[in-house]
């Protein structure tokens, strides 16, 4: 899969699978635009990927919403930039697909104020590094980078793909998953190389 194909898929409201380096997390994440996600597609993510559903976002927007990092002093070896979890105030339990969509759409709505978000909640924003993939080569930064290339709102939905036994999916499983669902694969390294050439 080329970066251009991934960008086109995201523009059309489809998923891509982002694979990071085998020396890092060695995981495949199912990714879709926060702007384009629907209840049907979110439900597919929850059923088929089965990892933690997160919302990569830019620091600026998280600052506007006054959503801080979950912890200040990380001891997570991948420095996963989890923030405090949130729900929109219009949700019931916050867990249903309908409720999660309300929260996602609120996070990317410029009219949404910090007071409209309940803390803690059931959606987990992730704070992308301000230097993007130059600062951190994670799924979070890759997702934001792709949204920008697609001229979409710089926020995404990501979830790790687990295999049927509950283990993290290996490349073989991810390849089968890709073919079965017609979702293309893209590596973080290929995206980094593309952005470097693009300047």
Protein backbone atom coordinates (compact mmCIF):
# COMPACT_ATOMS: atom_id res chain seq x y z
CA UNK A 1 0.00 0.00 0.00
CA UNK A 2 1.22 3.48 -0.81
CA UNK A 3 0.76 6.53 1.39
CA UNK A 4 -1.37 8.07 -1.37
CA UNK A 5 -3.72 5.06 -1.27
CA UNK A 6 -3.98 5.33 2.53
CA UNK A 7 -4.77 9.03 2.29
CA UNK A 8 -7.44 8.38 -0.33
CA UNK A 9 -9.03 5.62 1.78
CA UNK A 10 -9.19 7.92 4.81
CA UNK A 11 -10.68 10.76 2.75
CA UNK A 12 -13.43 8.34 1.69
CA UNK A 13 -14.20 7.45 5.30
CA UNK A 14 -12.53 4.05 5.19
CA UNK A 15 -10.10 2.32 7.54
CA UNK A 16 -6.38 1.73 7.21
CA UNK A 17 -4.15 -0.47 9.35
CA UNK A 18 -0.96 1.15 10.62
CA UNK A 19 1.90 -1.16 11.60
CA UNK A 20 4.78 0.13 13.69
CA UNK A 21 8.35 -1.16 13.93
CA UNK A 22 8.90 -4.71 15.20
CA UNK A 23 11.51 -3.29 17.60
CA UNK A 24 8.88 -0.97 19.07
CA UNK A 25 5.34 -2.10 19.98
CA UNK A 26 5.16 -4.40 16.93
CA UNK A 27 1.40 -3.87 16.66
CA UNK A 28 -1.17 -3.14 14.00
CA UNK A 29 -3.76 -0.48 14.77
CA UNK A 30 -7.06 -0.03 12.98
CA UNK A 31 -7.38 3.67 12.10
CA UNK A 32 -10.17 5.92 10.82
CA UNK A 33 -10.74 9.67 10.72
CA UNK A 34 -12.58 11.12 13.73
CA UNK A 35 -14.33 13.41 11.28
CA UNK A 36 -15.57 10.53 9.08
CA UNK A 37 -16.34 7.82 11.65
CA UNK A 38 -19.92 6.52 11.82
CA UNK A 39 -21.73 4.40 14.40
CA UNK A 40 -21.48 1.39 12.09
CA UNK A 41 -17.73 1.80 11.61
CA UNK A 42 -17.08 2.44 15.28
CA UNK A 43 -18.99 -0.72 16.15
CA UNK A 44 -16.83 -2.62 13.65
CA UNK A 45 -13.70 -1.33 15.40
CA UNK A 46 -14.92 -2.43 18.81
CA UNK A 47 -15.90 -5.90 17.56
CA UNK A 48 -13.03 -6.58 15.19
CA UNK A 49 -9.94 -4.81 16.53
CA UNK A 50 -10.76 -5.32 20.24
CA UNK A 51 -7.91 -3.20 21.58
CA UNK A 52 -8.29 0.06 23.53
CA UNK A 53 -10.18 2.67 21.54
CA UNK A 54 -8.26 5.95 21.60
CA UNK A 55 -8.49 9.39 19.99
CA UNK A 56 -5.15 10.80 18.80
CA UNK A 57 -5.37 14.60 18.87
CA UNK A 58 -3.13 17.65 18.66
CA UNK A 59 -1.84 19.35 21.80
CA UNK A 60 -3.47 22.64 20.83
CA UNK A 61 -6.99 21.20 20.79
CA UNK A 62 -6.45 19.29 24.03
CA UNK A 63 -5.29 22.56 25.59
CA UNK A 64 -8.43 24.34 24.40
CA UNK A 65 -10.53 21.61 26.04
CA UNK A 66 -8.36 21.64 29.19
CA UNK A 67 -7.74 17.90 28.95
CA UNK A 68 -4.44 17.16 30.75
CA UNK A 69 -2.17 14.15 30.47
CA UNK A 70 -3.21 11.22 32.64
CA UNK A 71 0.19 11.18 34.35
CA UNK A 72 3.05 13.68 34.29
CA UNK A 73 5.96 11.33 34.98
CA UNK A 74 5.74 8.41 32.55
CA UNK A 75 7.26 5.05 33.29
CA UNK A 76 5.59 3.47 30.25
CA UNK A 77 8.46 2.41 27.97
CA UNK A 78 6.67 3.73 24.87
CA UNK A 79 5.68 7.04 26.50
CA UNK A 80 2.08 6.53 25.40
CA UNK A 81 0.57 10.02 25.77
CA UNK A 82 -2.74 9.12 27.44
CA UNK A 83 -4.79 12.03 28.69
CA UNK A 84 -7.57 12.02 31.26
CA UNK A 85 -10.52 10.10 29.80
CA UNK A 86 -13.70 11.98 28.91
CA UNK A 87 -17.40 11.68 28.02
CA UNK A 88 -19.60 14.36 26.56
CA UNK A 89 -22.21 15.64 29.02
CA UNK A 90 -25.05 14.56 26.68
CA UNK A 91 -24.14 10.86 27.03
CA UNK A 92 -25.86 8.37 29.33
CA UNK A 93 -23.27 5.81 30.48
CA UNK A 94 -20.77 6.93 27.86
CA UNK A 95 -20.05 3.34 26.78
CA UNK A 96 -22.50 2.71 23.93
CA UNK A 97 -21.46 3.30 20.34
CA UNK A 98 -23.97 6.17 20.14
CA UNK A 99 -22.50 7.76 23.28
CA UNK A 100 -18.92 7.33 22.11
CA UNK A 101 -19.76 8.99 18.80
CA UNK A 102 -21.23 11.95 20.70
CA UNK A 103 -17.98 12.32 22.63
CA UNK A 104 -15.80 11.97 19.53
CA UNK A 105 -17.79 14.58 17.62
CA UNK A 106 -17.65 16.93 20.63
CA UNK A 107 -13.86 16.62 20.83
CA UNK A 108 -13.47 17.88 17.27
CA UNK A 109 -16.24 20.50 17.43
CA UNK A 110 -14.73 23.99 17.89
CA UNK A 111 -17.92 25.06 19.67
CA UNK A 112 -17.49 22.42 22.39
CA UNK A 113 -16.24 23.92 25.67
CA UNK A 114 -14.23 22.19 28.44
CA UNK A 115 -17.30 22.36 30.69
CA UNK A 116 -19.20 20.03 28.36
CA UNK A 117 -16.81 17.15 29.00
CA UNK A 118 -17.16 14.82 31.98
CA UNK A 119 -13.96 13.52 33.57
CA UNK A 120 -13.18 10.65 33.82
CA UNK A 121 -15.07 9.06 30.95
CA UNK A 122 -14.89 6.28 28.41
CA UNK A 123 -12.97 7.86 25.54
CA UNK A 124 -9.19 8.12 25.76
CA UNK A 125 -7.62 11.04 23.89
CA UNK A 126 -3.92 10.71 23.09
CA UNK A 127 -1.69 13.76 22.84
CA UNK A 128 0.37 13.67 19.65
CA UNK A 129 3.94 14.91 19.84
CA UNK A 130 4.16 18.51 18.62
CA UNK A 131 6.93 17.51 16.18
CA UNK A 132 4.82 14.66 14.82
CA UNK A 133 6.70 11.59 13.66
CA UNK A 134 9.99 13.47 13.99
CA UNK A 135 9.37 13.63 17.72
CA UNK A 136 7.81 10.20 18.28
CA UNK A 137 7.35 7.31 15.84
CA UNK A 138 4.08 6.04 17.28
CA UNK A 139 0.64 5.13 15.97
CA UNK A 140 -0.65 8.37 17.50
CA UNK A 141 1.66 10.58 15.43
CA UNK A 142 1.23 8.44 12.30
CA UNK A 143 -2.56 8.77 12.52
CA UNK A 144 -2.38 12.56 12.89
CA UNK A 145 0.14 12.78 10.04
CA UNK A 146 -2.19 10.87 7.73
CA UNK A 147 -5.18 13.04 8.65
CA UNK A 148 -3.19 16.14 7.74
CA UNK A 149 -2.11 14.64 4.41
CA UNK A 150 -5.78 13.86 3.73
CA UNK A 151 -6.79 17.45 4.64
CA UNK A 152 -9.05 16.07 7.36
CA UNK A 153 -9.51 17.31 10.93
CA UNK A 154 -6.31 16.27 12.77
CA UNK A 155 -7.90 13.66 15.03
CA UNK A 156 -8.41 9.94 14.54
CA UNK A 157 -9.79 6.80 16.12
CA UNK A 158 -7.30 4.00 16.68
CA UNK A 159 -7.55 0.55 18.27
CA UNK A 160 -4.99 -2.25 18.48
CA UNK A 161 -5.87 -5.40 16.56
CA UNK A 162 -5.89 -8.58 18.62
CA UNK A 163 -6.09 -12.09 17.21
CA UNK A 164 -8.78 -14.64 18.02
CA UNK A 165 -6.82 -16.01 20.98
CA UNK A 166 -6.52 -12.57 22.60
CA UNK A 167 -2.85 -12.07 21.69
CA UNK A 168 -1.63 -9.03 19.79
CA UNK A 169 -2.03 -9.78 16.09
CA UNK A 170 1.17 -10.73 14.24
CA UNK A 171 1.92 -9.82 10.62
CA UNK A 172 0.36 -13.02 9.32
CA UNK A 173 -2.92 -12.34 11.13
CA UNK A 174 -2.86 -8.68 10.08
CA UNK A 175 -2.39 -9.73 6.46
CA UNK A 176 -5.40 -12.06 6.68
CA UNK A 177 -7.42 -9.38 8.47
CA UNK A 178 -6.52 -6.89 5.74
CA UNK A 179 -7.67 -9.24 2.96
CA UNK A 180 -10.79 -10.38 4.79
CA UNK A 181 -12.07 -6.86 5.38
CA UNK A 182 -10.54 -5.08 2.38
CA UNK A 183 -8.48 -2.73 4.57
CA UNK A 184 -5.02 -1.70 3.41
CA UNK A 185 -1.86 -1.94 5.50
CA UNK A 186 0.70 0.86 5.90
CA UNK A 187 3.86 0.91 8.02
CA UNK A 188 4.95 3.84 10.15
CA UNK A 189 8.40 3.57 8.56
CA UNK A 190 6.94 3.94 5.05
CA UNK A 191 4.99 7.00 6.16
CA UNK A 192 8.14 8.52 7.72
CA UNK A 193 10.09 7.92 4.48
CA UNK A 194 7.30 9.52 2.43
CA UNK A 195 7.19 12.61 4.63
CA UNK A 196 10.98 12.92 4.56
CA UNK A 197 11.02 12.86 0.74
CA UNK A 198 8.11 15.27 0.60
CA UNK A 199 10.08 17.69 2.76
